[in-house]
Amino acid sequence: QELPEKTETLLRVELAGTQADLYETVRATMDEKLRDAIAKQGLARSQIMVLDALLKLRQVCCDPRLVKGNRAAATMERAKMEWLRDNLPELVDEGRRLLVFSQFTEMLSLVERELSDLQLPFLVLTGDTPVRERGALVQQFQAKSVPILLLSLKAGGVGLNLTAADTVIHLDPWWNPAVEQQATARAHRIGQDQPVFVYKLVVAGSIEER
């Protein structure tokens, strides 16, 4: 009750063009392979293949460049990255302080490139960030000298006080909603004196929405 208001918004983005084609190609191909594998060896022995199929579909939703061996990815549409490119400069101009979460560190690396192109200052905190540097990163963000902090979901999910942020963006859904809530709670916790806005990006009609 002591916390300010928290507003959560589910943003359904639509795949288009070659990204949509890639999603359907991967879905149909993996569907056929899975049905064959399950018929031959049963579901229990096919679990690794099931997880691999889910991972590939989630990667296509995030950014085609995450899919290994996809040579055409560089020229494909990227719905979520386009949303960031359209909205982050405006949010920063409004004075917002943003936490941007993804389960994929490779996705955060791609976002880094976009932010550099947009000339938006940012910090990064992932499992690869040395422990001795984490405190300084948090202090820098809390001092409001940099408007955007990119975090991997696991590294940024617990134990951090990031109340300088008033906006949280989840680039991709995690299978356990409690983990997302823990990540959001880095900003929405005791010490926060501003309303917090949470945006969850989900590809419409995809494995993410399921």
N, C-alpha and C. Protein backbone atom coordinates (compact mmCIF):
# COMPACT_ATOMS: atom_id res chain seq x y z
N GLN A 1 0.82 -1.22 0.00
CA GLN A 1 0.00 0.00 0.00
C GLN A 1 0.85 1.27 0.00
N GLU A 2 2.10 1.14 0.44
CA GLU A 2 2.97 2.31 0.46
C GLU A 2 3.54 2.63 -0.92
N LEU A 3 3.43 1.67 -1.84
CA LEU A 3 4.03 1.85 -3.15
C LEU A 3 3.15 2.70 -4.06
N PRO A 4 3.76 3.47 -4.96
CA PRO A 4 2.97 4.21 -5.95
C PRO A 4 2.32 3.25 -6.94
N GLU A 5 1.45 3.79 -7.76
CA GLU A 5 0.69 2.98 -8.71
C GLU A 5 1.61 2.31 -9.74
N LYS A 6 1.25 1.10 -10.14
CA LYS A 6 1.96 0.37 -11.20
C LYS A 6 0.96 0.05 -12.30
N THR A 7 1.29 0.45 -13.54
CA THR A 7 0.41 0.20 -14.69
C THR A 7 1.10 -0.77 -15.63
N GLU A 8 0.49 -1.93 -15.86
CA GLU A 8 1.05 -2.92 -16.77
C GLU A 8 0.28 -2.95 -18.08
N THR A 9 1.02 -2.93 -19.19
CA THR A 9 0.41 -2.93 -20.52
C THR A 9 0.99 -4.06 -21.35
N LEU A 10 0.13 -4.92 -21.88
CA LEU A 10 0.57 -5.97 -22.79
C LEU A 10 0.52 -5.41 -24.21
N LEU A 11 1.67 -5.32 -24.83
CA LEU A 11 1.76 -4.76 -26.19
C LEU A 11 1.89 -5.90 -27.19
N ARG A 12 0.85 -6.10 -27.99
CA ARG A 12 0.84 -7.16 -29.00
C ARG A 12 1.39 -6.59 -30.30
N VAL A 13 2.61 -7.02 -30.65
CA VAL A 13 3.21 -6.56 -31.90
C VAL A 13 2.97 -7.61 -32.98
N GLU A 14 2.88 -7.17 -34.22
CA GLU A 14 2.57 -8.06 -35.34
C GLU A 14 3.83 -8.31 -36.17
N LEU A 15 4.08 -9.57 -36.48
CA LEU A 15 5.16 -9.89 -37.42
C LEU A 15 4.71 -9.55 -38.83
N ALA A 16 5.66 -9.13 -39.65
CA ALA A 16 5.32 -8.77 -41.04
C ALA A 16 6.39 -9.30 -41.98
N GLY A 17 6.02 -9.40 -43.25
CA GLY A 17 6.98 -9.71 -44.31
C GLY A 17 7.78 -10.97 -44.06
N THR A 18 9.10 -10.87 -44.24
CA THR A 18 9.97 -12.04 -44.18
C THR A 18 10.09 -12.59 -42.76
N GLN A 19 9.92 -11.76 -41.74
CA GLN A 19 9.95 -12.28 -40.36
C GLN A 19 8.75 -13.19 -40.11
N ALA A 20 7.57 -12.78 -40.59
CA ALA A 20 6.38 -13.61 -40.47
C ALA A 20 6.54 -14.91 -41.27
N ASP A 21 7.14 -14.81 -42.46
CA ASP A 21 7.37 -16.01 -43.29
C ASP A 21 8.33 -16.97 -42.58
N LEU A 22 9.38 -16.42 -41.96
CA LEU A 22 10.34 -17.26 -41.25
C LEU A 22 9.67 -17.97 -40.08
N TYR A 23 8.84 -17.25 -39.34
CA TYR A 23 8.15 -17.86 -38.20
C TYR A 23 7.31 -19.05 -38.67
N GLU A 24 6.55 -18.86 -39.74
CA GLU A 24 5.67 -19.93 -40.22
C GLU A 24 6.49 -21.10 -40.77
N THR A 25 7.61 -20.81 -41.42
CA THR A 25 8.48 -21.87 -41.93
C THR A 25 9.05 -22.70 -40.79
N VAL A 26 9.57 -22.03 -39.76
CA VAL A 26 10.12 -22.74 -38.60
C VAL A 26 9.03 -23.54 -37.91
N ARG A 27 7.85 -22.93 -37.74
CA ARG A 27 6.75 -23.60 -37.05
C ARG A 27 6.34 -24.88 -37.80
N ALA A 28 6.17 -24.76 -39.11
CA ALA A 28 5.73 -25.92 -39.90
C ALA A 28 6.79 -27.01 -39.93
N THR A 29 8.06 -26.60 -40.08
CA THR A 29 9.16 -27.57 -40.13
C THR A 29 9.30 -28.31 -38.81
N MET A 30 9.29 -27.57 -37.72
CA MET A 30 9.45 -28.20 -36.40
C MET A 30 8.24 -29.05 -36.05
N ASP A 31 7.07 -28.62 -36.49
CA ASP A 31 5.85 -29.40 -36.24
C ASP A 31 5.97 -30.79 -36.87
N GLU A 32 6.42 -30.80 -38.11
CA GLU A 32 6.55 -32.08 -38.82
C GLU A 32 7.61 -32.97 -38.17
N LYS A 33 8.77 -32.38 -37.82
CA LYS A 33 9.85 -33.14 -37.19
C LYS A 33 9.40 -33.71 -35.85
N LEU A 34 8.68 -32.87 -35.06
CA LEU A 34 8.24 -33.32 -33.74
C LEU A 34 7.24 -34.46 -33.84
N ARG A 35 6.30 -34.34 -34.76
CA ARG A 35 5.31 -35.41 -34.91
C ARG A 35 5.99 -36.74 -35.28
N ASP A 36 6.98 -36.66 -36.17
CA ASP A 36 7.71 -37.87 -36.55
C ASP A 36 8.47 -38.45 -35.35
N ALA A 37 9.16 -37.58 -34.62
CA ALA A 37 9.97 -38.03 -33.48
C ALA A 37 9.09 -38.64 -32.39
N ILE A 38 7.97 -37.99 -32.11
CA ILE A 38 7.08 -38.49 -31.05
C ILE A 38 6.46 -39.82 -31.46
N ALA A 39 6.13 -39.97 -32.74
CA ALA A 39 5.55 -41.23 -33.23
C ALA A 39 6.56 -42.37 -33.11
N LYS A 40 7.86 -42.06 -33.32
CA LYS A 40 8.89 -43.11 -33.31
C LYS A 40 9.40 -43.43 -31.90
N GLN A 41 9.55 -42.38 -31.06
CA GLN A 41 10.21 -42.62 -29.78
C GLN A 41 9.43 -42.14 -28.57
N GLY A 42 8.23 -41.61 -28.80
CA GLY A 42 7.41 -41.17 -27.67
C GLY A 42 7.75 -39.76 -27.23
N LEU A 43 6.83 -39.13 -26.47
CA LEU A 43 7.01 -37.74 -26.04
C LEU A 43 8.17 -37.59 -25.06
N ALA A 44 8.29 -38.53 -24.12
CA ALA A 44 9.32 -38.42 -23.08
C ALA A 44 10.72 -38.33 -23.67
N ARG A 45 10.96 -39.10 -24.74
CA ARG A 45 12.30 -39.10 -25.35
C ARG A 45 12.47 -37.97 -26.36
N SER A 46 11.42 -37.23 -26.58
CA SER A 46 11.48 -36.14 -27.57
C SER A 46 11.54 -34.76 -26.91
N GLN A 47 11.69 -34.72 -25.60
CA GLN A 47 11.59 -33.44 -24.89
C GLN A 47 12.65 -32.43 -25.30
N ILE A 48 13.88 -32.91 -25.56
CA ILE A 48 14.94 -31.99 -25.99
C ILE A 48 14.55 -31.32 -27.30
N MET A 49 13.97 -32.10 -28.21
CA MET A 49 13.55 -31.55 -29.50
C MET A 49 12.38 -30.57 -29.32
N VAL A 50 11.49 -30.87 -28.38
CA VAL A 50 10.37 -29.96 -28.09
C VAL A 50 10.91 -28.62 -27.60
N LEU A 51 11.85 -28.67 -26.66
CA LEU A 51 12.43 -27.44 -26.12
C LEU A 51 13.17 -26.65 -27.20
N ASP A 52 13.85 -27.36 -28.08
CA ASP A 52 14.58 -26.71 -29.17
C ASP A 52 13.61 -26.00 -30.12
N ALA A 53 12.47 -26.64 -30.39
CA ALA A 53 11.46 -26.03 -31.26
C ALA A 53 10.90 -24.77 -30.63
N LEU A 54 10.58 -24.84 -29.33
CA LEU A 54 10.05 -23.67 -28.62
C LEU A 54 11.07 -22.53 -28.63
N LEU A 55 12.34 -22.88 -28.40
CA LEU A 55 13.40 -21.87 -28.38
C LEU A 55 13.51 -21.17 -29.73
N LYS A 56 13.52 -21.94 -30.81
CA LYS A 56 13.66 -21.34 -32.14
C LYS A 56 12.50 -20.39 -32.45
N LEU A 57 11.29 -20.79 -32.09
CA LEU A 57 10.13 -19.93 -32.34
C LEU A 57 10.22 -18.65 -31.52
N ARG A 58 10.67 -18.76 -30.28
CA ARG A 58 10.81 -17.56 -29.44
C ARG A 58 11.90 -16.64 -29.96
N GLN A 59 12.96 -17.23 -30.50
CA GLN A 59 14.04 -16.42 -31.08
C GLN A 59 13.55 -15.64 -32.30
N VAL A 60 12.78 -16.31 -33.17
CA VAL A 60 12.24 -15.61 -34.35
C VAL A 60 11.38 -14.43 -33.91
N CYS A 61 10.59 -14.63 -32.86
CA CYS A 61 9.74 -13.55 -32.36
C CYS A 61 10.57 -12.35 -31.89
N CYS A 62 11.69 -12.63 -31.22
CA CYS A 62 12.52 -11.55 -30.70
C CYS A 62 13.26 -10.82 -31.81
N ASP A 63 14.00 -11.60 -32.60
CA ASP A 63 14.78 -11.02 -33.70
C ASP A 63 15.32 -12.17 -34.54
N PRO A 64 15.07 -12.18 -35.85
CA PRO A 64 15.55 -13.28 -36.71
C PRO A 64 17.04 -13.50 -36.62
N ARG A 65 17.80 -12.48 -36.23
CA ARG A 65 19.25 -12.63 -36.15
C ARG A 65 19.69 -13.55 -35.01
N LEU A 66 18.77 -13.87 -34.10
CA LEU A 66 19.10 -14.80 -33.02
C LEU A 66 19.13 -16.24 -33.49
N VAL A 67 18.48 -16.52 -34.62
CA VAL A 67 18.38 -17.90 -35.11
C VAL A 67 19.69 -18.27 -35.81
N LYS A 68 20.37 -19.27 -35.26
CA LYS A 68 21.67 -19.69 -35.80
C LYS A 68 21.52 -20.21 -37.23
N GLY A 69 22.45 -19.78 -38.09
CA GLY A 69 22.47 -20.28 -39.46
C GLY A 69 21.49 -19.60 -40.40
N ASN A 70 20.82 -18.55 -39.92
CA ASN A 70 19.85 -17.85 -40.76
C ASN A 70 20.56 -16.71 -41.50
N ARG A 71 21.03 -16.99 -42.69
CA ARG A 71 21.85 -16.02 -43.43
C ARG A 71 21.07 -14.80 -43.90
N ALA A 72 19.75 -14.96 -44.07
CA ALA A 72 18.95 -13.85 -44.56
C ALA A 72 18.50 -12.90 -43.45
N ALA A 73 18.84 -13.23 -42.20
CA ALA A 73 18.30 -12.49 -41.05
C ALA A 73 18.61 -11.00 -41.08
N ALA A 74 19.78 -10.64 -41.60
CA ALA A 74 20.22 -9.25 -41.57
C ALA A 74 19.27 -8.31 -42.32
N THR A 75 18.57 -8.86 -43.33
CA THR A 75 17.70 -8.01 -44.15
C THR A 75 16.22 -8.17 -43.79
N MET A 76 15.93 -8.98 -42.77
CA MET A 76 14.53 -9.24 -42.42
C MET A 76 13.93 -8.15 -41.54
N GLU A 77 12.60 -8.09 -41.54
CA GLU A 77 11.91 -7.21 -40.61
C GLU A 77 12.19 -7.67 -39.17
N ARG A 78 12.12 -6.72 -38.24
CA ARG A 78 12.35 -7.02 -36.82
C ARG A 78 11.33 -6.22 -36.00
N ALA A 79 10.18 -6.83 -35.76
CA ALA A 79 9.04 -6.10 -35.20
C ALA A 79 9.36 -5.47 -33.85
N LYS A 80 10.00 -6.22 -32.97
CA LYS A 80 10.27 -5.67 -31.63
C LYS A 80 11.34 -4.58 -31.66
N MET A 81 12.36 -4.79 -32.48
CA MET A 81 13.41 -3.78 -32.59
C MET A 81 12.85 -2.50 -33.21
N GLU A 82 11.93 -2.65 -34.15
CA GLU A 82 11.31 -1.47 -34.75
C GLU A 82 10.46 -0.72 -33.72
N TRP A 83 9.80 -1.48 -32.82
CA TRP A 83 9.04 -0.83 -31.75
C TRP A 83 9.98 -0.03 -30.85
N LEU A 84 11.11 -0.61 -30.50
CA LEU A 84 12.08 0.10 -29.66
C LEU A 84 12.60 1.35 -30.36
N ARG A 85 12.93 1.20 -31.64
CA ARG A 85 13.46 2.34 -32.40
C ARG A 85 12.44 3.47 -32.47
N ASP A 86 11.17 3.12 -32.59
CA ASP A 86 10.11 4.13 -32.69
C ASP A 86 9.81 4.80 -31.35
N ASN A 87 9.95 4.05 -30.25
CA ASN A 87 9.44 4.53 -28.96
C ASN A 87 10.49 4.97 -27.94
N LEU A 88 11.68 4.36 -27.96
CA LEU A 88 12.67 4.71 -26.94
C LEU A 88 13.11 6.17 -26.98
N PRO A 89 13.40 6.74 -28.17
CA PRO A 89 13.80 8.16 -28.17
C PRO A 89 12.74 9.07 -27.54
N GLU A 90 11.47 8.79 -27.83
CA GLU A 90 10.39 9.61 -27.27
C GLU A 90 10.30 9.45 -25.76
N LEU A 91 10.43 8.20 -25.27
CA LEU A 91 10.37 7.96 -23.83
C LEU A 91 11.52 8.68 -23.11
N VAL A 92 12.71 8.63 -23.70
CA VAL A 92 13.86 9.31 -23.10
C VAL A 92 13.65 10.82 -23.10
N ASP A 93 13.11 11.34 -24.21
CA ASP A 93 12.83 12.77 -24.30
C ASP A 93 11.83 13.22 -23.23
N GLU A 94 10.92 12.31 -22.87
CA GLU A 94 9.94 12.63 -21.82
C GLU A 94 10.54 12.60 -20.42
N GLY A 95 11.81 12.20 -20.34
CA GLY A 95 12.47 12.14 -19.04
C GLY A 95 12.30 10.80 -18.34
N ARG A 96 11.83 9.79 -19.06
CA ARG A 96 11.66 8.48 -18.44
C ARG A 96 13.02 7.82 -18.19
N ARG A 97 13.05 7.00 -17.14
CA ARG A 97 14.22 6.17 -16.83
C ARG A 97 13.80 4.72 -17.01
N LEU A 98 14.51 3.99 -17.87
CA LEU A 98 14.00 2.70 -18.34
C LEU A 98 14.88 1.52 -17.96
N LEU A 99 14.22 0.44 -17.52
CA LEU A 99 14.85 -0.87 -17.41
C LEU A 99 14.33 -1.71 -18.57
N VAL A 100 15.23 -2.30 -19.35
CA VAL A 100 14.85 -3.11 -20.50
C VAL A 100 15.36 -4.54 -20.26
N PHE A 101 14.43 -5.49 -20.10
CA PHE A 101 14.78 -6.88 -19.79
C PHE A 101 14.61 -7.79 -20.99
N SER A 102 15.52 -8.77 -21.12
CA SER A 102 15.34 -9.87 -22.06
C SER A 102 15.97 -11.12 -21.45
N GLN A 103 15.40 -12.28 -21.79
CA GLN A 103 16.01 -13.54 -21.35
C GLN A 103 17.23 -13.88 -22.19
N PHE A 104 17.35 -13.24 -23.38
CA PHE A 104 18.44 -13.54 -24.30
C PHE A 104 19.50 -12.44 -24.24
N THR A 105 20.71 -12.79 -23.80
CA THR A 105 21.78 -11.79 -23.77
C THR A 105 22.13 -11.34 -25.19
N GLU A 106 21.97 -12.26 -26.18
CA GLU A 106 22.23 -11.88 -27.58
C GLU A 106 21.25 -10.80 -28.04
N MET A 107 20.03 -10.86 -27.54
CA MET A 107 19.04 -9.84 -27.88
C MET A 107 19.48 -8.48 -27.33
N LEU A 108 19.98 -8.49 -26.11
CA LEU A 108 20.45 -7.23 -25.52
C LEU A 108 21.63 -6.67 -26.32
N SER A 109 22.48 -7.53 -26.83
CA SER A 109 23.60 -7.06 -27.67
C SER A 109 23.09 -6.37 -28.93
N LEU A 110 22.02 -6.92 -29.52
CA LEU A 110 21.42 -6.30 -30.69
C LEU A 110 20.78 -4.95 -30.34
N VAL A 111 20.16 -4.89 -29.15
CA VAL A 111 19.56 -3.63 -28.70
C VAL A 111 20.66 -2.59 -28.47
N GLU A 112 21.81 -3.03 -27.96
CA GLU A 112 22.94 -2.11 -27.77
C GLU A 112 23.28 -1.41 -29.07
N ARG A 113 23.33 -2.18 -30.16
CA ARG A 113 23.66 -1.59 -31.47
C ARG A 113 22.64 -0.53 -31.88
N GLU A 114 21.37 -0.86 -31.66
CA GLU A 114 20.30 0.09 -32.01
C GLU A 114 20.43 1.38 -31.21
N LEU A 115 20.68 1.23 -29.91
CA LEU A 115 20.80 2.41 -29.04
C LEU A 115 22.00 3.26 -29.45
N SER A 116 23.08 2.60 -29.84
CA SER A 116 24.26 3.35 -30.30
C SER A 116 23.93 4.11 -31.57
N ASP A 117 23.19 3.48 -32.50
CA ASP A 117 22.77 4.16 -33.74
C ASP A 117 21.88 5.36 -33.43
N LEU A 118 21.02 5.20 -32.41
CA LEU A 118 20.10 6.28 -32.04
C LEU A 118 20.76 7.33 -31.15
N GLN A 119 22.02 7.07 -30.77
CA GLN A 119 22.78 7.95 -29.89
C GLN A 119 22.08 8.15 -28.54
N LEU A 120 21.54 7.05 -28.02
CA LEU A 120 20.92 7.07 -26.69
C LEU A 120 21.88 6.42 -25.70
N PRO A 121 22.22 7.11 -24.60
CA PRO A 121 23.15 6.53 -23.63
C PRO A 121 22.50 5.37 -22.87
N PHE A 122 23.31 4.36 -22.55
CA PHE A 122 22.75 3.18 -21.87
C PHE A 122 23.84 2.49 -21.05
N LEU A 123 23.39 1.63 -20.12
CA LEU A 123 24.26 0.75 -19.35
C LEU A 123 23.77 -0.68 -19.56
N VAL A 124 24.64 -1.67 -19.31
CA VAL A 124 24.28 -3.07 -19.51
C VAL A 124 24.66 -3.88 -18.28
N LEU A 125 23.73 -4.72 -17.81
CA LEU A 125 24.00 -5.60 -16.69
C LEU A 125 23.50 -7.01 -17.04
N THR A 126 24.44 -7.95 -17.23
CA THR A 126 24.09 -9.34 -17.54
C THR A 126 24.90 -10.26 -16.63
N GLY A 127 24.72 -11.56 -16.83
CA GLY A 127 25.50 -12.51 -16.06
C GLY A 127 26.99 -12.42 -16.35
N ASP A 128 27.36 -11.81 -17.48
CA ASP A 128 28.77 -11.66 -17.83
C ASP A 128 29.41 -10.43 -17.19
N THR A 129 28.60 -9.56 -16.59
CA THR A 129 29.14 -8.37 -15.93
C THR A 129 29.88 -8.79 -14.66
N PRO A 130 31.17 -8.43 -14.52
CA PRO A 130 31.91 -8.80 -13.32
C PRO A 130 31.22 -8.29 -12.05
N VAL A 131 31.22 -9.11 -11.02
CA VAL A 131 30.54 -8.76 -9.76
C VAL A 131 31.04 -7.44 -9.21
N ARG A 132 32.35 -7.19 -9.33
CA ARG A 132 32.92 -5.97 -8.76
C ARG A 132 32.44 -4.71 -9.48
N GLU A 133 31.89 -4.87 -10.70
CA GLU A 133 31.43 -3.70 -11.46
C GLU A 133 29.93 -3.42 -11.28
N ARG A 134 29.21 -4.38 -10.71
CA ARG A 134 27.76 -4.25 -10.64
C ARG A 134 27.33 -3.09 -9.76
N GLY A 135 27.99 -2.95 -8.61
CA GLY A 135 27.62 -1.87 -7.69
C GLY A 135 27.77 -0.50 -8.33
N ALA A 136 28.86 -0.31 -9.07
CA ALA A 136 29.10 0.97 -9.73
C ALA A 136 28.05 1.23 -10.81
N LEU A 137 27.66 0.18 -11.55
CA LEU A 137 26.62 0.32 -12.57
C LEU A 137 25.30 0.75 -11.96
N VAL A 138 24.93 0.09 -10.86
CA VAL A 138 23.67 0.43 -10.19
C VAL A 138 23.72 1.86 -9.67
N GLN A 139 24.83 2.24 -9.06
CA GLN A 139 24.97 3.61 -8.55
C GLN A 139 24.84 4.64 -9.66
N GLN A 140 25.46 4.35 -10.80
CA GLN A 140 25.41 5.28 -11.94
C GLN A 140 23.97 5.44 -12.42
N PHE A 141 23.23 4.32 -12.51
CA PHE A 141 21.84 4.41 -12.95
C PHE A 141 20.99 5.14 -11.91
N GLN A 142 21.20 4.82 -10.65
CA GLN A 142 20.43 5.44 -9.57
C GLN A 142 20.69 6.94 -9.47
N ALA A 143 21.88 7.36 -9.92
CA ALA A 143 22.22 8.79 -9.93
C ALA A 143 21.56 9.53 -11.08
N LYS A 144 20.85 8.78 -11.95
CA LYS A 144 20.10 9.34 -13.08
C LYS A 144 20.99 10.02 -14.11
N SER A 145 22.21 9.51 -14.22
CA SER A 145 23.12 10.07 -15.23
C SER A 145 22.95 9.40 -16.59
N VAL A 146 22.33 8.19 -16.59
CA VAL A 146 22.09 7.45 -17.83
C VAL A 146 20.64 6.98 -17.81
N PRO A 147 19.89 7.19 -18.91
CA PRO A 147 18.45 6.93 -18.87
C PRO A 147 18.02 5.47 -19.08
N ILE A 148 18.91 4.62 -19.64
CA ILE A 148 18.50 3.26 -20.00
C ILE A 148 19.46 2.24 -19.40
N LEU A 149 18.89 1.22 -18.78
CA LEU A 149 19.69 0.10 -18.29
C LEU A 149 19.14 -1.18 -18.90
N LEU A 150 19.99 -1.88 -19.66
CA LEU A 150 19.64 -3.17 -20.26
C LEU A 150 20.04 -4.28 -19.29
N LEU A 151 19.10 -5.21 -19.03
CA LEU A 151 19.38 -6.27 -18.08
C LEU A 151 18.93 -7.63 -18.60
N SER A 152 19.74 -8.65 -18.39
CA SER A 152 19.27 -10.01 -18.64
C SER A 152 18.34 -10.38 -17.49
N LEU A 153 17.32 -11.16 -17.80
CA LEU A 153 16.27 -11.45 -16.82
C LEU A 153 16.84 -12.13 -15.58
N LYS A 154 17.76 -13.06 -15.77
CA LYS A 154 18.32 -13.79 -14.63
C LYS A 154 19.22 -12.88 -13.79
N ALA A 155 20.10 -12.12 -14.43
CA ALA A 155 21.04 -11.28 -13.69
C ALA A 155 20.35 -10.12 -12.98
N GLY A 156 19.26 -9.62 -13.59
CA GLY A 156 18.59 -8.45 -13.02
C GLY A 156 17.33 -8.77 -12.26
N GLY A 157 17.08 -10.05 -12.02
CA GLY A 157 15.80 -10.44 -11.43
C GLY A 157 15.69 -10.28 -9.93
N VAL A 158 16.81 -10.32 -9.22
CA VAL A 158 16.74 -10.26 -7.75
C VAL A 158 17.88 -9.41 -7.20
N GLY A 159 17.64 -8.88 -6.01
CA GLY A 159 18.72 -8.25 -5.23
C GLY A 159 19.17 -6.88 -5.68
N LEU A 160 18.48 -6.27 -6.62
CA LEU A 160 18.90 -4.95 -7.09
C LEU A 160 17.85 -3.90 -6.72
N ASN A 161 18.31 -2.75 -6.33
CA ASN A 161 17.43 -1.62 -6.04
C ASN A 161 17.60 -0.60 -7.16
N LEU A 162 16.60 -0.51 -8.04
CA LEU A 162 16.69 0.36 -9.22
C LEU A 162 15.49 1.31 -9.26
N THR A 163 15.26 1.98 -8.15
CA THR A 163 14.08 2.84 -8.02
C THR A 163 14.20 4.15 -8.80
N ALA A 164 15.35 4.39 -9.43
CA ALA A 164 15.45 5.56 -10.31
C ALA A 164 14.61 5.34 -11.57
N ALA A 165 14.29 4.08 -11.87
CA ALA A 165 13.50 3.75 -13.07
C ALA A 165 12.02 3.96 -12.80
N ASP A 166 11.33 4.50 -13.80
CA ASP A 166 9.87 4.60 -13.71
C ASP A 166 9.19 3.82 -14.84
N THR A 167 10.00 3.18 -15.69
CA THR A 167 9.48 2.43 -16.83
C THR A 167 10.24 1.11 -16.96
N VAL A 168 9.48 0.01 -17.09
CA VAL A 168 10.09 -1.31 -17.26
C VAL A 168 9.57 -1.91 -18.56
N ILE A 169 10.48 -2.39 -19.40
CA ILE A 169 10.10 -3.02 -20.67
C ILE A 169 10.60 -4.46 -20.66
N HIS A 170 9.68 -5.41 -20.82
CA HIS A 170 10.03 -6.82 -20.99
C HIS A 170 9.96 -7.13 -22.48
N LEU A 171 11.11 -7.39 -23.08
CA LEU A 171 11.15 -7.62 -24.53
C LEU A 171 10.57 -8.96 -24.93
N ASP A 172 10.58 -9.92 -23.99
CA ASP A 172 10.07 -11.26 -24.31
C ASP A 172 9.53 -11.89 -23.04
N PRO A 173 8.46 -12.68 -23.16
CA PRO A 173 7.86 -13.28 -21.97
C PRO A 173 8.65 -14.49 -21.48
N TRP A 174 8.72 -14.64 -20.18
CA TRP A 174 9.36 -15.80 -19.57
C TRP A 174 8.27 -16.78 -19.16
N TRP A 175 8.55 -18.09 -19.20
CA TRP A 175 7.51 -19.09 -18.93
C TRP A 175 6.96 -18.99 -17.51
N ASN A 176 7.75 -18.47 -16.58
CA ASN A 176 7.29 -18.33 -15.20
C ASN A 176 7.02 -16.85 -14.91
N PRO A 177 5.76 -16.43 -14.82
CA PRO A 177 5.44 -15.01 -14.61
C PRO A 177 6.05 -14.44 -13.33
N ALA A 178 6.28 -15.29 -12.33
CA ALA A 178 6.85 -14.79 -11.07
C ALA A 178 8.24 -14.21 -11.28
N VAL A 179 8.99 -14.76 -12.25
CA VAL A 179 10.33 -14.25 -12.54
C VAL A 179 10.23 -12.85 -13.14
N GLU A 180 9.26 -12.64 -14.02
CA GLU A 180 9.03 -11.30 -14.58
C GLU A 180 8.65 -10.31 -13.48
N GLN A 181 7.80 -10.76 -12.56
CA GLN A 181 7.37 -9.88 -11.46
C GLN A 181 8.54 -9.49 -10.57
N GLN A 182 9.44 -10.45 -10.32
CA GLN A 182 10.64 -10.14 -9.54
C GLN A 182 11.49 -9.09 -10.24
N ALA A 183 11.60 -9.22 -11.57
CA ALA A 183 12.38 -8.25 -12.33
C ALA A 183 11.74 -6.87 -12.27
N THR A 184 10.42 -6.81 -12.46
CA THR A 184 9.70 -5.53 -12.37
C THR A 184 9.87 -4.91 -10.98
N ALA A 185 9.94 -5.76 -9.97
CA ALA A 185 10.06 -5.28 -8.58
C ALA A 185 11.40 -4.61 -8.31
N ARG A 186 12.35 -4.67 -9.24
CA ARG A 186 13.60 -3.91 -9.07
C ARG A 186 13.28 -2.42 -9.05
N ALA A 187 12.24 -2.02 -9.77
CA ALA A 187 11.85 -0.60 -9.82
C ALA A 187 10.68 -0.31 -8.89
N HIS A 188 9.71 -1.24 -8.84
CA HIS A 188 8.49 -1.02 -8.04
C HIS A 188 8.68 -1.63 -6.66
N ARG A 189 9.33 -0.87 -5.79
CA ARG A 189 9.67 -1.35 -4.44
C ARG A 189 9.79 -0.16 -3.50
N ILE A 190 9.96 -0.44 -2.22
CA ILE A 190 10.09 0.63 -1.24
C ILE A 190 11.23 1.56 -1.64
N GLY A 191 10.97 2.85 -1.64
CA GLY A 191 11.93 3.83 -2.10
C GLY A 191 11.50 4.46 -3.42
N GLN A 192 10.57 3.79 -4.12
CA GLN A 192 10.04 4.34 -5.37
C GLN A 192 8.99 5.39 -5.04
N ASP A 193 9.13 6.59 -5.61
CA ASP A 193 8.18 7.67 -5.32
C ASP A 193 7.42 8.13 -6.56
N GLN A 194 7.58 7.38 -7.69
CA GLN A 194 6.88 7.73 -8.92
C GLN A 194 6.03 6.55 -9.38
N PRO A 195 4.95 6.83 -10.12
CA PRO A 195 4.22 5.72 -10.75
C PRO A 195 5.15 4.95 -11.69
N VAL A 196 4.95 3.64 -11.77
CA VAL A 196 5.79 2.79 -12.61
C VAL A 196 4.94 2.22 -13.75
N PHE A 197 5.49 2.33 -14.97
CA PHE A 197 4.81 1.81 -16.15
C PHE A 197 5.57 0.59 -16.66
N VAL A 198 4.84 -0.51 -16.86
CA VAL A 198 5.44 -1.77 -17.30
C VAL A 198 4.86 -2.14 -18.67
N TYR A 199 5.74 -2.34 -19.65
CA TYR A 199 5.33 -2.73 -20.98
C TYR A 199 5.86 -4.14 -21.29
N LYS A 200 4.97 -5.04 -21.69
CA LYS A 200 5.36 -6.41 -22.03
C LYS A 200 5.10 -6.64 -23.52
N LEU A 201 6.18 -6.84 -24.27
CA LEU A 201 6.06 -7.04 -25.72
C LEU A 201 5.83 -8.52 -26.03
N VAL A 202 4.75 -8.79 -26.75
CA VAL A 202 4.40 -10.16 -27.11
C VAL A 202 3.96 -10.16 -28.58
N VAL A 203 4.49 -11.12 -29.35
CA VAL A 203 4.09 -11.23 -30.75
C VAL A 203 2.71 -11.87 -30.84
N ALA A 204 1.79 -11.18 -31.47
CA ALA A 204 0.41 -11.64 -31.59
C ALA A 204 0.33 -12.97 -32.35
N GLY A 205 -0.49 -13.90 -31.84
CA GLY A 205 -0.71 -15.16 -32.53
C GLY A 205 0.48 -16.11 -32.53
N SER A 206 1.46 -15.86 -31.66
CA SER A 206 2.70 -16.66 -31.67
C SER A 206 2.80 -17.54 -30.43
N ILE A 207 3.89 -18.27 -30.35
CA ILE A 207 4.19 -19.09 -29.17
C ILE A 207 4.26 -18.21 -27.92
N GLU A 208 4.69 -16.96 -28.08
CA GLU A 208 4.77 -16.05 -26.94
C GLU A 208 3.40 -15.82 -26.32
N GLU A 209 2.41 -15.59 -27.17
CA GLU A 209 1.06 -15.33 -26.67
C GLU A 209 0.47 -16.60 -26.06
N ARG A 210 0.75 -17.76 -26.64
CA ARG A 210 0.31 -19.03 -26.08
C ARG A 210 0.85 -19.21 -24.66
